[in-house]
Each structure stands twice: as C-alpha cells, then as structure tokens.
Amino acid sequence: MPNHVHLLFWALRDGSGWPFRLVDIMHSLKSSSAHTVNRLLRRDGPVWEEESFDHVLRSDESWEEKREYIRQNPVRAGLVKRAEDYLWLWTDAFR
C-alpha cells in the first residue's frame, strides 16, 4: 500500500521461551527500514509515524481472515484487479 503496511507474523521466542515483545519487533522493523529508505532516497528524517495499530490473533480462523484481508487490501484500494498482481504482496510465508 502506498501509505501503510500490513504485517502478519508469528513472534519468535527468546532463550527463555517467551515471545519477543511487539514493541521491540516494531522498533527494529521501523528503524531498519527507515535507514534503508533514507539511504536510497539520499535524505534523512522520519519515515514512519510514531504509532502503530496491532491486534493479537488467537485462532486459525482469525489468521485466515486477517491473511485474506491483507491480500485483498490493494484490490479494495483500486491499485490492482487481482491481489496476485500487486507487486509488493509477499505471501511466501503464509500457511
């Protein structure tokens, strides 16, 4: 999407077996991608907004519903006719 990102992922676990905190995962993703974007555009400054919206899924049904919502988002936005035609849709990790 031109103005936002959807992510659907399983959080990895630390050495104690606890999932890594979402706030830490998001910080790493935003920091790394912002540095890359700024380097490629030869600029500096913020890329992402401070806030993010998250939702913890608790069932396979919810996973499939969210997966399909993400897949169809470029279609609903009128960017493509079929989800598969959207260049930035990566579904290799989807079950």
PDB file of N, CA and C in Angstrom:
ATOM      1  N   MET A   1       0.846  -1.169   0.000  1.00  0.00           N
ATOM      2  CA  MET A   1       0.000   0.000   0.000  1.00  0.00           C
ATOM      3  C   MET A   1       0.894   1.236   0.000  1.00  0.00           C
ATOM      4  N   PRO A   2       0.480   2.265  -0.663  1.00  0.00           N
ATOM      5  CA  PRO A   2       1.334   3.446  -0.764  1.00  0.00           C
ATOM      6  C   PRO A   2       1.538   4.192   0.558  1.00  0.00           C
ATOM      7  N   ASN A   3       0.598   4.051   1.504  1.00  0.00           N
ATOM      8  CA  ASN A   3       0.705   4.856   2.710  1.00  0.00           C
ATOM      9  C   ASN A   3       0.680   4.063   4.020  1.00  0.00           C
ATOM     10  N   HIS A   4       0.716   2.749   3.939  1.00  0.00           N
ATOM     11  CA  HIS A   4       0.773   1.953   5.164  1.00  0.00           C
ATOM     12  C   HIS A   4       1.222   0.526   4.845  1.00  0.00           C
ATOM     13  N   VAL A   5       1.493  -0.225   5.898  1.00  0.00           N
ATOM     14  CA  VAL A   5       1.989  -1.594   5.766  1.00  0.00           C
ATOM     15  C   VAL A   5       1.156  -2.503   6.660  1.00  0.00           C
ATOM     16  N   HIS A   6       0.864  -3.689   6.158  1.00  0.00           N
ATOM     17  CA  HIS A   6       0.238  -4.721   6.978  1.00  0.00           C
ATOM     18  C   HIS A   6       1.264  -5.839   7.160  1.00  0.00           C
ATOM     19  N   LEU A   7       1.357  -6.340   8.373  1.00  0.00           N
ATOM     20  CA  LEU A   7       2.235  -7.474   8.670  1.00  0.00           C
ATOM     21  C   LEU A   7       1.437  -8.517   9.422  1.00  0.00           C
ATOM     22  N   LEU A   8       1.648  -9.760   9.069  1.00  0.00           N
ATOM     23  CA  LEU A   8       1.037 -10.874   9.779  1.00  0.00           C
ATOM     24  C   LEU A   8       2.164 -11.851  10.047  1.00  0.00           C
ATOM     25  N   PHE A   9       2.508 -12.036  11.309  1.00  0.00           N
ATOM     26  CA  PHE A   9       3.676 -12.863  11.610  1.00  0.00           C
ATOM     27  C   PHE A   9       3.536 -13.529  12.970  1.00  0.00           C
ATOM     28  N   TRP A  10       4.343 -14.578  13.137  1.00  0.00           N
ATOM     29  CA  TRP A  10       4.487 -15.239  14.429  1.00  0.00           C
ATOM     30  C   TRP A  10       5.709 -14.636  15.091  1.00  0.00           C
ATOM     31  N   ALA A  11       5.601 -14.216  16.335  1.00  0.00           N
ATOM     32  CA  ALA A  11       6.748 -13.676  17.062  1.00  0.00           C
ATOM     33  C   ALA A  11       7.678 -14.821  17.462  1.00  0.00           C
ATOM     34  N   LEU A  12       8.968 -14.639  17.230  1.00  0.00           N
ATOM     35  CA  LEU A  12       9.956 -15.609  17.680  1.00  0.00           C
ATOM     36  C   LEU A  12      10.043 -15.558  19.202  1.00  0.00           C
ATOM     37  N   ARG A  13      10.659 -16.576  19.765  1.00  0.00           N
ATOM     38  CA  ARG A  13      10.778 -16.638  21.221  1.00  0.00           C
ATOM     39  C   ARG A  13      12.232 -16.452  21.630  1.00  0.00           C
ATOM     40  N   ASP A  14      12.409 -15.859  22.803  1.00  0.00           N
ATOM     41  CA  ASP A  14      13.765 -15.649  23.310  1.00  0.00           C
ATOM     42  C   ASP A  14      14.292 -16.931  23.951  1.00  0.00           C
ATOM     43  N   GLY A  15      15.469 -16.868  24.511  1.00  0.00           N
ATOM     44  CA  GLY A  15      16.096 -18.038  25.117  1.00  0.00           C
ATOM     45  C   GLY A  15      15.316 -18.635  26.267  1.00  0.00           C
ATOM     46  N   SER A  16      14.449 -17.859  26.875  1.00  0.00           N
ATOM     47  CA  SER A  16      13.621 -18.344  27.989  1.00  0.00           C
ATOM     48  C   SER A  16      12.290 -18.906  27.520  1.00  0.00           C
ATOM     49  N   GLY A  17      12.019 -18.803  26.222  1.00  0.00           N
ATOM     50  CA  GLY A  17      10.765 -19.321  25.695  1.00  0.00           C
ATOM     51  C   GLY A  17       9.650 -18.298  25.576  1.00  0.00           C
ATOM     52  N   TRP A  18       9.915 -17.066  25.993  1.00  0.00           N
ATOM     53  CA  TRP A  18       8.905 -16.012  25.894  1.00  0.00           C
ATOM     54  C   TRP A  18       8.971 -15.360  24.513  1.00  0.00           C
ATOM     55  N   PRO A  19       7.802 -14.986  23.954  1.00  0.00           N
ATOM     56  CA  PRO A  19       7.823 -14.283  22.670  1.00  0.00           C
ATOM     57  C   PRO A  19       8.506 -12.922  22.825  1.00  0.00           C
ATOM     58  N   PHE A  20       9.241 -12.525  21.800  1.00  0.00           N
ATOM     59  CA  PHE A  20       9.818 -11.186  21.815  1.00  0.00           C
ATOM     60  C   PHE A  20       8.677 -10.175  21.863  1.00  0.00           C
ATOM     61  N   ARG A  21       8.897  -9.076  22.547  1.00  0.00           N
ATOM     62  CA  ARG A  21       7.852  -8.062  22.714  1.00  0.00           C
ATOM     63  C   ARG A  21       7.551  -7.382  21.382  1.00  0.00           C
ATOM     64  N   LEU A  22       6.279  -7.141  21.126  1.00  0.00           N
ATOM     65  CA  LEU A  22       5.850  -6.499  19.887  1.00  0.00           C
ATOM     66  C   LEU A  22       6.488  -5.122  19.728  1.00  0.00           C
ATOM     67  N   VAL A  23       6.595  -4.379  20.819  1.00  0.00           N
ATOM     68  CA  VAL A  23       7.194  -3.044  20.752  1.00  0.00           C
ATOM     69  C   VAL A  23       8.642  -3.132  20.265  1.00  0.00           C
ATOM     70  N   ASP A  24       9.369  -4.153  20.672  1.00  0.00           N
ATOM     71  CA  ASP A  24      10.757  -4.327  20.231  1.00  0.00           C
ATOM     72  C   ASP A  24      10.823  -4.756  18.773  1.00  0.00           C
ATOM     73  N   ILE A  25       9.914  -5.627  18.365  1.00  0.00           N
ATOM     74  CA  ILE A  25       9.866  -6.070  16.966  1.00  0.00           C
ATOM     75  C   ILE A  25       9.570  -4.879  16.058  1.00  0.00           C
ATOM     76  N   MET A  26       8.564  -4.089  16.420  1.00  0.00           N
ATOM     77  CA  MET A  26       8.190  -2.936  15.599  1.00  0.00           C
ATOM     78  C   MET A  26       9.309  -1.904  15.546  1.00  0.00           C
ATOM     79  N   HIS A  27       9.974  -1.674  16.663  1.00  0.00           N
ATOM     80  CA  HIS A  27      11.089  -0.724  16.669  1.00  0.00           C
ATOM     81  C   HIS A  27      12.183  -1.179  15.704  1.00  0.00           C
ATOM     82  N   SER A  28      12.515  -2.453  15.741  1.00  0.00           N
ATOM     83  CA  SER A  28      13.553  -2.980  14.847  1.00  0.00           C
ATOM     84  C   SER A  28      13.152  -2.850  13.380  1.00  0.00           C
ATOM     85  N   LEU A  29      11.908  -3.216  13.071  1.00  0.00           N
ATOM     86  CA  LEU A  29      11.426  -3.111  11.688  1.00  0.00           C
ATOM     87  C   LEU A  29      11.427  -1.671  11.191  1.00  0.00           C
ATOM     88  N   LYS A  30      10.889  -0.772  12.012  1.00  0.00           N
ATOM     89  CA  LYS A  30      10.809   0.626  11.601  1.00  0.00           C
ATOM     90  C   LYS A  30      12.188   1.256  11.478  1.00  0.00           C
ATOM     91  N   SER A  31      13.064   0.966  12.411  1.00  0.00           N
ATOM     92  CA  SER A  31      14.406   1.543  12.384  1.00  0.00           C
ATOM     93  C   SER A  31      15.189   1.078  11.165  1.00  0.00           C
ATOM     94  N   SER A  32      15.204  -0.217  10.950  1.00  0.00           N
ATOM     95  CA  SER A  32      15.953  -0.778   9.819  1.00  0.00           C
ATOM     96  C   SER A  32      15.408  -0.278   8.484  1.00  0.00           C
ATOM     97  N   SER A  33      14.106  -0.316   8.325  1.00  0.00           N
ATOM     98  CA  SER A  33      13.530   0.109   7.050  1.00  0.00           C
ATOM     99  C   SER A  33      13.683   1.618   6.841  1.00  0.00           C
ATOM    100  N   ALA A  34      13.576   2.415   7.896  1.00  0.00           N
ATOM    101  CA  ALA A  34      13.746   3.869   7.764  1.00  0.00           C
ATOM    102  C   ALA A  34      15.167   4.204   7.322  1.00  0.00           C
ATOM    103  N   HIS A  35      16.157   3.527   7.898  1.00  0.00           N
ATOM    104  CA  HIS A  35      17.550   3.758   7.481  1.00  0.00           C
ATOM    105  C   HIS A  35      17.733   3.411   6.002  1.00  0.00           C
ATOM    106  N   THR A  36      17.146   2.308   5.578  1.00  0.00           N
ATOM    107  CA  THR A  36      17.263   1.890   4.173  1.00  0.00           C
ATOM    108  C   THR A  36      16.568   2.874   3.245  1.00  0.00           C
ATOM    109  N   VAL A  37      15.349   3.274   3.574  1.00  0.00           N
ATOM    110  CA  VAL A  37      14.598   4.225   2.750  1.00  0.00           C
ATOM    111  C   VAL A  37      15.367   5.545   2.646  1.00  0.00           C
ATOM    112  N   ASN A  38      15.835   6.055   3.766  1.00  0.00           N
ATOM    113  CA  ASN A  38      16.569   7.321   3.748  1.00  0.00           C
ATOM    114  C   ASN A  38      17.860   7.219   2.950  1.00  0.00           C
ATOM    115  N   ARG A  39      18.556   6.102   3.058  1.00  0.00           N
ATOM    116  CA  ARG A  39      19.784   5.923   2.275  1.00  0.00           C
ATOM    117  C   ARG A  39      19.465   5.895   0.779  1.00  0.00           C
ATOM    118  N   LEU A  40      18.438   5.145   0.393  1.00  0.00           N
ATOM    119  CA  LEU A  40      18.080   5.043  -1.022  1.00  0.00           C
ATOM    120  C   LEU A  40      17.594   6.374  -1.599  1.00  0.00           C
ATOM    121  N   LEU A  41      16.908   7.166  -0.786  1.00  0.00           N
ATOM    122  CA  LEU A  41      16.386   8.451  -1.245  1.00  0.00           C
ATOM    123  C   LEU A  41      17.363   9.608  -0.993  1.00  0.00           C
ATOM    124  N   ARG A  42      18.516   9.257  -0.426  1.00  0.00           N
ATOM    125  CA  ARG A  42      19.547  10.256  -0.102  1.00  0.00           C
ATOM    126  C   ARG A  42      18.977  11.409   0.729  1.00  0.00           C
ATOM    127  N   ARG A  43      18.354  11.027   1.824  1.00  0.00           N
ATOM    128  CA  ARG A  43      17.777  12.013   2.730  1.00  0.00           C
ATOM    129  C   ARG A  43      17.868  11.484   4.158  1.00  0.00           C
ATOM    130  N   ASP A  44      17.399  12.262   5.097  1.00  0.00           N
ATOM    131  CA  ASP A  44      17.292  11.775   6.467  1.00  0.00           C
ATOM    132  C   ASP A  44      15.991  12.290   7.064  1.00  0.00           C
ATOM    133  N   GLY A  45      15.672  11.782   8.224  1.00  0.00           N
ATOM    134  CA  GLY A  45      14.436  12.197   8.881  1.00  0.00           C
ATOM    135  C   GLY A  45      13.476  11.045   9.055  1.00  0.00           C
ATOM    136  N   PRO A  46      12.357  11.331   9.688  1.00  0.00           N
ATOM    137  CA  PRO A  46      11.377  10.282   9.979  1.00  0.00           C
ATOM    138  C   PRO A  46      10.754   9.703   8.710  1.00  0.00           C
ATOM    139  N   VAL A  47      10.488   8.422   8.749  1.00  0.00           N
ATOM    140  CA  VAL A  47       9.793   7.727   7.665  1.00  0.00           C
ATOM    141  C   VAL A  47       8.439   7.248   8.178  1.00  0.00           C
ATOM    142  N   TRP A  48       8.424   6.739   9.394  1.00  0.00           N
ATOM    143  CA  TRP A  48       7.223   6.147   9.976  1.00  0.00           C
ATOM    144  C   TRP A  48       6.604   7.074  11.006  1.00  0.00           C
ATOM    145  N   GLU A  49       5.297   6.973  11.172  1.00  0.00           N
ATOM    146  CA  GLU A  49       4.635   7.654  12.276  1.00  0.00           C
ATOM    147  C   GLU A  49       4.959   6.926  13.569  1.00  0.00           C
ATOM    148  N   GLU A  50       4.822   7.617  14.665  1.00  0.00           N
ATOM    149  CA  GLU A  50       5.145   7.038  15.974  1.00  0.00           C
ATOM    150  C   GLU A  50       4.261   5.846  16.316  1.00  0.00           C
ATOM    151  N   GLU A  51       2.974   5.962  16.012  1.00  0.00           N
ATOM    152  CA  GLU A  51       2.045   4.934  16.452  1.00  0.00           C
ATOM    153  C   GLU A  51       1.925   3.792  15.443  1.00  0.00           C
ATOM    154  N   SER A  52       1.428   2.688  15.936  1.00  0.00           N
ATOM    155  CA  SER A  52       1.064   1.565  15.074  1.00  0.00           C
ATOM    156  C   SER A  52      -0.168   0.926  15.704  1.00  0.00           C
ATOM    157  N   PHE A  53      -0.869   0.171  14.918  1.00  0.00           N
ATOM    158  CA  PHE A  53      -2.071  -0.499  15.400  1.00  0.00           C
ATOM    159  C   PHE A  53      -1.819  -1.995  15.340  1.00  0.00           C
ATOM    160  N   ASP A  54      -2.030  -2.661  16.443  1.00  0.00           N
ATOM    161  CA  ASP A  54      -1.769  -4.095  16.468  1.00  0.00           C
ATOM    162  C   ASP A  54      -2.974  -4.847  16.995  1.00  0.00           C
ATOM    163  N   HIS A  55      -2.980  -6.114  16.671  1.00  0.00           N
ATOM    164  CA  HIS A  55      -4.055  -6.993  17.106  1.00  0.00           C
ATOM    165  C   HIS A  55      -3.463  -8.389  17.246  1.00  0.00           C
ATOM    166  N   VAL A  56      -3.661  -9.008  18.389  1.00  0.00           N
ATOM    167  CA  VAL A  56      -3.165 -10.363  18.631  1.00  0.00           C
ATOM    168  C   VAL A  56      -4.228 -11.354  18.172  1.00  0.00           C
ATOM    169  N   LEU A  57      -3.817 -12.273  17.311  1.00  0.00           N
ATOM    170  CA  LEU A  57      -4.741 -13.304  16.819  1.00  0.00           C
ATOM    171  C   LEU A  57      -4.701 -14.508  17.742  1.00  0.00           C
ATOM    172  N   ARG A  58      -5.846 -15.124  17.912  1.00  0.00           N
ATOM    173  CA  ARG A  58      -5.918 -16.238  18.851  1.00  0.00           C
ATOM    174  C   ARG A  58      -6.468 -17.530  18.261  1.00  0.00           C
ATOM    175  N   SER A  59      -6.711 -17.560  16.959  1.00  0.00           N
ATOM    176  CA  SER A  59      -7.211 -18.796  16.361  1.00  0.00           C
ATOM    177  C   SER A  59      -6.822 -18.860  14.893  1.00  0.00           C
ATOM    178  N   ASP A  60      -6.834 -20.059  14.319  1.00  0.00           N
ATOM    179  CA  ASP A  60      -6.546 -20.216  12.896  1.00  0.00           C
ATOM    180  C   ASP A  60      -7.564 -19.469  12.045  1.00  0.00           C
ATOM    181  N   GLU A  61      -8.807 -19.429  12.509  1.00  0.00           N
ATOM    182  CA  GLU A  61      -9.838 -18.721  11.757  1.00  0.00           C
ATOM    183  C   GLU A  61      -9.481 -17.231  11.669  1.00  0.00           C
ATOM    184  N   SER A  62      -9.074 -16.645  12.758  1.00  0.00           N
ATOM    185  CA  SER A  62      -8.669 -15.242  12.747  1.00  0.00           C
ATOM    186  C   SER A  62      -7.482 -15.034  11.824  1.00  0.00           C
ATOM    187  N   TRP A  63      -6.524 -15.971  11.849  1.00  0.00           N
ATOM    188  CA  TRP A  63      -5.336 -15.880  10.985  1.00  0.00           C
ATOM    189  C   TRP A  63      -5.764 -15.832   9.524  1.00  0.00           C
ATOM    190  N   GLU A  64      -6.638 -16.735   9.132  1.00  0.00           N
ATOM    191  CA  GLU A  64      -7.082 -16.780   7.738  1.00  0.00           C
ATOM    192  C   GLU A  64      -7.875 -15.524   7.359  1.00  0.00           C
ATOM    193  N   GLU A  65      -8.706 -15.039   8.269  1.00  0.00           N
ATOM    194  CA  GLU A  65      -9.463 -13.811   7.991  1.00  0.00           C
ATOM    195  C   GLU A  65      -8.516 -12.632   7.786  1.00  0.00           C
ATOM    196  N   LYS A  66      -7.546 -12.470   8.646  1.00  0.00           N
ATOM    197  CA  LYS A  66      -6.597 -11.359   8.533  1.00  0.00           C
ATOM    198  C   LYS A  66      -5.712 -11.524   7.305  1.00  0.00           C
ATOM    199  N   ARG A  67      -5.312 -12.753   7.012  1.00  0.00           N
ATOM    200  CA  ARG A  67      -4.498 -13.028   5.831  1.00  0.00           C
ATOM    201  C   ARG A  67      -5.232 -12.580   4.572  1.00  0.00           C
ATOM    202  N   GLU A  68      -6.486 -12.935   4.466  1.00  0.00           N
ATOM    203  CA  GLU A  68      -7.256 -12.573   3.281  1.00  0.00           C
ATOM    204  C   GLU A  68      -7.524 -11.068   3.231  1.00  0.00           C
ATOM    205  N   TYR A  69      -7.744 -10.449   4.382  1.00  0.00           N
ATOM    206  CA  TYR A  69      -7.916  -9.003   4.432  1.00  0.00           C
ATOM    207  C   TYR A  69      -6.674  -8.307   3.874  1.00  0.00           C
ATOM    208  N   ILE A  70      -5.507  -8.752   4.298  1.00  0.00           N
ATOM    209  CA  ILE A  70      -4.253  -8.165   3.828  1.00  0.00           C
ATOM    210  C   ILE A  70      -4.089  -8.401   2.329  1.00  0.00           C
ATOM    211  N   ARG A  71      -4.358  -9.621   1.876  1.00  0.00           N
ATOM    212  CA  ARG A  71      -4.236  -9.934   0.446  1.00  0.00           C
ATOM    213  C   ARG A  71      -5.130  -9.050  -0.415  1.00  0.00           C
ATOM    214  N   GLN A  72      -6.341  -8.802   0.051  1.00  0.00           N
ATOM    215  CA  GLN A  72      -7.313  -8.059  -0.753  1.00  0.00           C
ATOM    216  C   GLN A  72      -7.207  -6.540  -0.596  1.00  0.00           C
ATOM    217  N   ASN A  73      -6.380  -6.063   0.307  1.00  0.00           N
ATOM    218  CA  ASN A  73      -6.272  -4.631   0.551  1.00  0.00           C
ATOM    219  C   ASN A  73      -5.912  -3.829  -0.710  1.00  0.00           C
ATOM    220  N   PRO A  74      -4.940  -4.242  -1.523  1.00  0.00           N
ATOM    221  CA  PRO A  74      -4.633  -3.483  -2.750  1.00  0.00           C
ATOM    222  C   PRO A  74      -5.786  -3.510  -3.760  1.00  0.00           C
ATOM    223  N   VAL A  75      -6.574  -4.578  -3.753  1.00  0.00           N
ATOM    224  CA  VAL A  75      -7.736  -4.674  -4.647  1.00  0.00           C
ATOM    225  C   VAL A  75      -8.791  -3.671  -4.189  1.00  0.00           C
ATOM    226  N   ARG A  76      -9.091  -3.665  -2.887  1.00  0.00           N
ATOM    227  CA  ARG A  76     -10.079  -2.725  -2.342  1.00  0.00           C
ATOM    228  C   ARG A  76      -9.661  -1.276  -2.575  1.00  0.00           C
ATOM    229  N   ALA A  77      -8.359  -1.031  -2.573  1.00  0.00           N
ATOM    230  CA  ALA A  77      -7.850   0.334  -2.783  1.00  0.00           C
ATOM    231  C   ALA A  77      -7.832   0.715  -4.262  1.00  0.00           C
ATOM    232  N   GLY A  78      -8.163  -0.239  -5.149  1.00  0.00           N
ATOM    233  CA  GLY A  78      -8.192   0.041  -6.577  1.00  0.00           C
ATOM    234  C   GLY A  78      -6.829   0.079  -7.241  1.00  0.00           C
ATOM    235  N   LEU A  79      -5.820  -0.499  -6.586  1.00  0.00           N
ATOM    236  CA  LEU A  79      -4.466  -0.494  -7.141  1.00  0.00           C
ATOM    237  C   LEU A  79      -4.259  -1.596  -8.169  1.00  0.00           C
ATOM    238  N   VAL A  80      -4.975  -2.703  -8.009  1.00  0.00           N
ATOM    239  CA  VAL A  80      -4.901  -3.835  -8.929  1.00  0.00           C
ATOM    240  C   VAL A  80      -6.277  -4.486  -8.999  1.00  0.00           C
ATOM    241  N   LYS A  81      -6.465  -5.332 -10.009  1.00  0.00           N
ATOM    242  CA  LYS A  81      -7.733  -6.067 -10.117  1.00  0.00           C
ATOM    243  C   LYS A  81      -7.696  -7.371  -9.329  1.00  0.00           C
ATOM    244  N   ARG A  82      -6.498  -7.970  -9.260  1.00  0.00           N
ATOM    245  CA  ARG A  82      -6.327  -9.229  -8.513  1.00  0.00           C
ATOM    246  C   ARG A  82      -5.188  -9.054  -7.515  1.00  0.00           C
ATOM    247  N   ALA A  83      -5.342  -9.599  -6.326  1.00  0.00           N
ATOM    248  CA  ALA A  83      -4.311  -9.470  -5.285  1.00  0.00           C
ATOM    249  C   ALA A  83      -2.956  -9.951  -5.783  1.00  0.00           C
ATOM    250  N   GLU A  84      -2.953 -11.009  -6.575  1.00  0.00           N
ATOM    251  CA  GLU A  84      -1.703 -11.588  -7.069  1.00  0.00           C
ATOM    252  C   GLU A  84      -0.930 -10.632  -7.969  1.00  0.00           C
ATOM    253  N   ASP A  85      -1.598  -9.619  -8.488  1.00  0.00           N
ATOM    254  CA  ASP A  85      -0.945  -8.661  -9.379  1.00  0.00           C
ATOM    255  C   ASP A  85      -0.243  -7.532  -8.631  1.00  0.00           C
ATOM    256  N   TYR A  86      -0.427  -7.446  -7.335  1.00  0.00           N
ATOM    257  CA  TYR A  86       0.189  -6.367  -6.567  1.00  0.00           C
ATOM    258  C   TYR A  86       1.653  -6.705  -6.316  1.00  0.00           C
ATOM    259  N   LEU A  87       2.531  -5.860  -6.807  1.00  0.00           N
ATOM    260  CA  LEU A  87       3.973  -6.108  -6.758  1.00  0.00           C
ATOM    261  C   LEU A  87       4.504  -6.312  -5.344  1.00  0.00           C
ATOM    262  N   TRP A  88       3.947  -5.610  -4.382  1.00  0.00           N
ATOM    263  CA  TRP A  88       4.509  -5.620  -3.033  1.00  0.00           C
ATOM    264  C   TRP A  88       3.830  -6.618  -2.101  1.00  0.00           C
ATOM    265  N   LEU A  89       3.014  -7.492  -2.624  1.00  0.00           N
ATOM    266  CA  LEU A  89       2.374  -8.511  -1.801  1.00  0.00           C
ATOM    267  C   LEU A  89       3.282  -9.724  -1.702  1.00  0.00           C
ATOM    268  N   TRP A  90       3.720 -10.038  -0.502  1.00  0.00           N
ATOM    269  CA  TRP A  90       4.588 -11.188  -0.297  1.00  0.00           C
ATOM    270  C   TRP A  90       3.847 -12.187   0.570  1.00  0.00           C
ATOM    271  N   THR A  91       3.534 -13.328  -0.014  1.00  0.00           N
ATOM    272  CA  THR A  91       2.747 -14.322   0.720  1.00  0.00           C
ATOM    273  C   THR A  91       3.476 -15.651   0.888  1.00  0.00           C
ATOM    274  N   ASP A  92       4.756 -15.692   0.607  1.00  0.00           N
ATOM    275  CA  ASP A  92       5.500 -16.951   0.712  1.00  0.00           C
ATOM    276  C   ASP A  92       5.413 -17.566   2.102  1.00  0.00           C
ATOM    277  N   ALA A  93       5.350 -16.726   3.111  1.00  0.00           N
ATOM    278  CA  ALA A  93       5.349 -17.240   4.487  1.00  0.00           C
ATOM    279  C   ALA A  93       3.946 -17.580   4.967  1.00  0.00           C
ATOM    280  N   PHE A  94       2.910 -17.221   4.202  1.00  0.00           N
ATOM    281  CA  PHE A  94       1.553 -17.547   4.629  1.00  0.00           C
ATOM    282  C   PHE A  94       1.359 -19.060   4.574  1.00  0.00           C
ATOM    283  N   ARG A  95       0.628 -19.595   5.544  1.00  0.00           N
ATOM    284  CA  ARG A  95       0.400 -21.022   5.514  1.00  0.00           C
ATOM    285  C   ARG A  95      -0.718 -21.350   4.544  1.00  0.00           C
TER     286      ARG A  95
END
